[in-house]
Amino acid sequence: MKRGERSLERGQLLYAQGQRTGEMYTVLDGILIRYRTLDDGRRQIVNFMFPGNLLGLQAAFDEPCGHSVEALIPARVCVFDRADFQPLIAAHPRLGFDIVWMAAKEETELEQHIVSLGQRNARERVTALAVWLLERAIATGLAEDGNRLAIPMTQVQIADMMGLSPVHANRTLQSLRRDDLVDWKPTLLVIPDMRRAIEFARVGAPNPRKSPYI
């Protein structure tokens, strides 16, 4: 049922908030961001999508997209036709269970982000985000040795994810770098001691269970 593949350059939109699309996607390579935009242009990044993540599930239920998806680094996605979704699930019930599991897993991740926004201070928020990104990168083979991830993120994007002003994000990053907790440069994320960062952010140990791959 695969219809093809699509390549995206950094900053290129896969689909836009409010758009109706007849397609669904699986991320094959790269990292993408999901975000919602207010009428005045303010943006909230709600999640990062790594290889294996399923995108466009709203399209399967003929709903307009509630968010935009943009390539953070060059990416490649597998394209499926929305019209094939229901026959596919009917023919392969186990596949339907896997898709529900993936949706529930993403909901759990969003809960973690909400906890950060509501309860963690700025240093804990940024550390929790760094830990989560690096854990996902390690699980999908994108990380380098030494807990390093080449990821071109601006301080504005970090601020958009963590509900901080760019100035506050800058001060927080400098503070974490001085304390050797997180070293987040414009193109590289490094966590010198993952266990120490996990304990500082109070995010808990990573779940070793592997995700289905659609």
Protein backbone atom coordinates (compact mmCIF):
# COMPACT_ATOMS: atom_id res chain seq x y z
CA MET A 1 0.00 0.00 0.00
CA LYS A 2 3.04 2.26 -0.01
CA ARG A 3 2.50 5.00 -2.60
CA GLY A 4 6.02 6.35 -2.63
CA GLU A 5 8.52 8.40 -0.67
CA ARG A 6 9.01 12.13 -0.21
CA SER A 7 12.18 14.00 0.69
CA LEU A 8 12.12 17.22 2.69
CA GLU A 9 14.79 19.87 3.11
CA ARG A 10 15.41 21.53 6.46
CA GLY A 11 12.55 23.95 7.18
CA GLN A 12 10.24 22.48 4.53
CA LEU A 13 6.61 21.81 5.51
CA LEU A 14 5.17 18.32 5.18
CA TYR A 15 1.68 19.66 5.83
CA ALA A 16 0.18 22.76 7.44
CA GLN A 17 -2.23 23.33 10.31
CA GLY A 18 -5.83 23.35 9.07
CA GLN A 19 -4.95 21.55 5.84
CA ARG A 20 -6.92 18.53 4.70
CA THR A 21 -4.60 15.91 3.29
CA GLY A 22 -5.34 12.59 1.69
CA GLU A 23 -2.05 11.13 2.88
CA MET A 24 -0.44 9.53 5.90
CA TYR A 25 3.29 9.18 6.47
CA THR A 26 5.92 7.19 8.30
CA VAL A 27 9.21 8.95 9.03
CA LEU A 28 12.06 7.01 7.40
CA ASP A 29 14.99 9.38 7.99
CA GLY A 30 15.60 12.66 9.77
CA ILE A 31 13.76 14.58 12.48
CA LEU A 32 10.61 16.68 12.09
CA ILE A 33 8.78 19.01 14.47
CA ARG A 34 5.04 19.21 15.16
CA TYR A 35 3.74 22.61 16.18
CA ARG A 36 0.57 24.67 16.55
CA THR A 37 0.37 28.33 15.63
CA LEU A 38 -1.89 30.99 17.15
CA ASP A 39 -3.63 33.61 15.04
CA ASP A 40 -1.02 36.21 16.00
CA GLY A 41 1.87 34.01 14.81
CA ARG A 42 3.05 32.68 18.16
CA ARG A 43 4.09 29.04 17.93
CA GLN A 44 4.17 26.11 20.33
CA ILE A 45 6.28 23.11 19.35
CA VAL A 46 4.43 20.10 20.75
CA ASN A 47 6.60 17.18 19.68
CA PHE A 48 9.54 15.92 17.65
CA MET A 49 9.06 13.10 15.17
CA PHE A 50 11.81 10.51 14.65
CA PRO A 51 12.17 7.55 12.28
CA GLY A 52 9.30 5.14 12.84
CA ASN A 53 6.77 7.79 13.88
CA LEU A 54 3.44 7.84 12.06
CA LEU A 55 2.16 11.23 10.84
CA GLY A 56 -1.20 12.40 9.55
CA LEU A 57 -3.43 10.03 11.53
CA GLN A 58 -6.10 12.76 11.66
CA ALA A 59 -6.37 12.44 7.89
CA ALA A 60 -7.48 8.82 8.33
CA PHE A 61 -10.61 10.14 10.05
CA ASP A 62 -11.15 12.89 7.44
CA GLU A 63 -10.25 15.63 9.93
CA PRO A 64 -8.22 18.75 9.09
CA CYS A 65 -4.70 18.72 10.50
CA GLY A 66 -4.58 20.29 13.97
CA HIS A 67 -0.88 21.09 13.66
CA SER A 68 1.89 21.71 11.16
CA VAL A 69 4.83 19.38 10.55
CA GLU A 70 8.19 20.74 9.39
CA ALA A 71 11.56 19.11 8.76
CA LEU A 72 14.08 20.08 11.44
CA ILE A 73 16.85 18.38 9.46
CA PRO A 74 16.70 16.85 5.96
CA ALA A 75 14.12 14.07 6.18
CA ARG A 76 12.44 11.34 4.17
CA VAL A 77 8.94 9.96 4.67
CA CYS A 78 6.98 7.01 3.32
CA VAL A 79 3.62 8.05 1.81
CA PHE A 80 0.34 6.15 2.20
CA ASP A 81 -3.09 6.93 0.77
CA ARG A 82 -5.73 7.82 3.36
CA ALA A 83 -8.32 5.88 1.34
CA ASP A 84 -6.37 2.67 1.97
CA PHE A 85 -6.40 3.07 5.77
CA GLN A 86 -9.72 1.41 6.65
CA PRO A 87 -9.28 -1.61 4.33
CA LEU A 88 -5.74 -2.04 5.67
CA ILE A 89 -6.92 -2.16 9.30
CA ALA A 90 -9.79 -4.48 8.42
CA ALA A 91 -7.41 -6.91 6.71
CA HIS A 92 -4.70 -6.66 9.41
CA PRO A 93 -6.21 -6.16 12.92
CA ARG A 94 -2.79 -6.52 14.55
CA LEU A 95 -1.63 -3.52 12.53
CA GLY A 96 -4.56 -1.57 13.93
CA PHE A 97 -3.44 -2.46 17.45
CA ASP A 98 0.09 -1.26 16.65
CA ILE A 99 -1.23 2.09 15.42
CA VAL A 100 -3.30 2.54 18.59
CA TRP A 101 -0.20 1.66 20.66
CA MET A 102 1.84 4.27 18.82
CA ALA A 103 -0.86 6.92 19.37
CA ALA A 104 -1.00 6.04 23.09
CA LYS A 105 2.81 6.24 23.30
CA GLU A 106 2.80 9.70 21.76
CA GLU A 107 0.08 10.77 24.22
CA THR A 108 2.35 9.64 27.08
CA GLU A 109 5.18 11.75 25.65
CA LEU A 110 2.87 14.76 25.41
CA GLU A 111 1.91 14.25 29.06
CA GLN A 112 5.60 14.43 29.95
CA HIS A 113 5.91 17.72 28.07
CA ILE A 114 2.83 19.11 29.86
CA VAL A 115 4.39 18.18 33.21
CA SER A 116 7.52 20.08 32.18
CA LEU A 117 5.54 23.17 31.23
CA GLY A 118 3.45 23.10 34.40
CA GLN A 119 5.79 21.86 37.13
CA ARG A 120 9.46 21.93 36.15
CA ASN A 121 11.58 25.06 36.38
CA ALA A 122 13.43 26.31 33.30
CA ARG A 123 16.63 24.34 33.95
CA GLU A 124 14.67 21.14 34.55
CA ARG A 125 12.51 21.72 31.46
CA VAL A 126 15.45 22.13 29.11
CA THR A 127 17.31 19.18 30.65
CA ALA A 128 14.21 16.98 30.34
CA LEU A 129 13.87 17.94 26.67
CA ALA A 130 17.55 17.25 26.00
CA VAL A 131 17.33 13.83 27.68
CA TRP A 132 14.20 12.92 25.74
CA LEU A 133 15.70 13.98 22.40
CA LEU A 134 18.91 12.09 23.00
CA GLU A 135 17.09 8.94 24.13
CA ARG A 136 14.98 9.02 20.96
CA ALA A 137 18.09 9.61 18.85
CA ILE A 138 19.90 6.68 20.47
CA ALA A 139 16.87 4.41 19.92
CA THR A 140 16.67 5.33 16.22
CA GLY A 141 20.39 5.30 15.45
CA LEU A 142 20.77 9.06 14.98
CA ALA A 143 22.99 9.72 18.02
CA GLU A 144 26.77 9.68 18.02
CA ASP A 145 29.07 8.16 20.64
CA GLY A 146 29.40 10.14 23.85
CA ASN A 147 25.71 11.12 24.07
CA ARG A 148 25.99 13.52 21.14
CA LEU A 149 23.27 14.47 18.67
CA ALA A 150 23.82 16.71 15.65
CA ILE A 151 20.61 18.75 15.66
CA PRO A 152 20.36 22.32 14.33
CA MET A 153 17.99 23.93 16.84
CA THR A 154 17.82 27.64 17.52
CA GLN A 155 17.25 29.07 20.97
CA VAL A 156 13.92 30.38 19.67
CA GLN A 157 12.85 26.80 18.83
CA ILE A 158 13.91 25.60 22.28
CA ALA A 159 11.96 28.47 23.80
CA ASP A 160 8.93 27.57 21.64
CA MET A 161 8.99 24.01 22.98
CA MET A 162 9.55 24.86 26.63
CA GLY A 163 7.30 27.91 27.02
CA LEU A 164 10.22 30.27 27.68
CA SER A 165 11.23 33.61 26.22
CA PRO A 166 14.32 33.46 23.98
CA VAL A 167 16.26 35.49 26.57
CA HIS A 168 15.28 33.10 29.38
CA ALA A 169 16.17 30.12 27.19
CA ASN A 170 19.60 31.63 26.50
CA ARG A 171 20.32 32.16 30.19
CA THR A 172 19.12 28.65 31.02
CA LEU A 173 21.37 27.07 28.39
CA GLN A 174 24.37 29.01 29.67
CA SER A 175 23.62 27.92 33.24
CA LEU A 176 23.31 24.24 32.26
CA ARG A 177 26.55 24.44 30.29
CA ARG A 178 28.41 25.93 33.27
CA ASP A 179 27.14 23.13 35.52
CA ASP A 180 28.16 20.49 32.95
CA LEU A 181 24.61 19.13 32.75
CA VAL A 182 23.70 19.92 29.14
CA ASP A 183 25.88 21.48 26.45
CA TRP A 184 23.47 22.63 23.75
CA LYS A 185 25.11 24.47 20.88
CA PRO A 186 23.30 25.68 17.71
CA THR A 187 24.12 22.47 15.82
CA LEU A 188 25.04 19.95 18.52
CA LEU A 189 23.46 18.59 21.70
CA VAL A 190 25.73 16.87 24.23
CA ILE A 191 24.82 15.40 27.63
CA PRO A 192 28.10 14.61 29.46
CA ASP A 193 26.46 12.38 32.09
CA MET A 194 23.06 10.95 31.12
CA ARG A 195 22.31 9.45 34.54
CA ARG A 196 23.02 12.76 36.27
CA ALA A 197 20.82 14.64 33.77
CA ILE A 198 17.96 12.15 34.25
CA GLU A 199 18.14 12.53 38.01
CA PHE A 200 18.28 16.32 37.78
CA ALA A 201 15.23 16.57 35.49
CA ARG A 202 13.33 13.78 37.35
CA VAL A 203 12.21 12.14 34.12
CA GLY A 204 12.66 8.50 35.12
CA ALA A 205 14.53 5.72 33.38
CA PRO A 206 13.89 5.22 29.64
CA ASN A 207 11.43 2.52 28.53
CA PRO A 208 13.38 -0.15 26.61
CA ARG A 209 10.33 -1.46 24.72
CA LYS A 210 10.66 -1.16 20.96
CA SER A 211 8.01 0.67 18.98
CA PRO A 212 6.18 -0.94 16.04
CA TYR A 213 7.36 0.19 12.62
CA ILE A 214 4.58 0.86 10.12
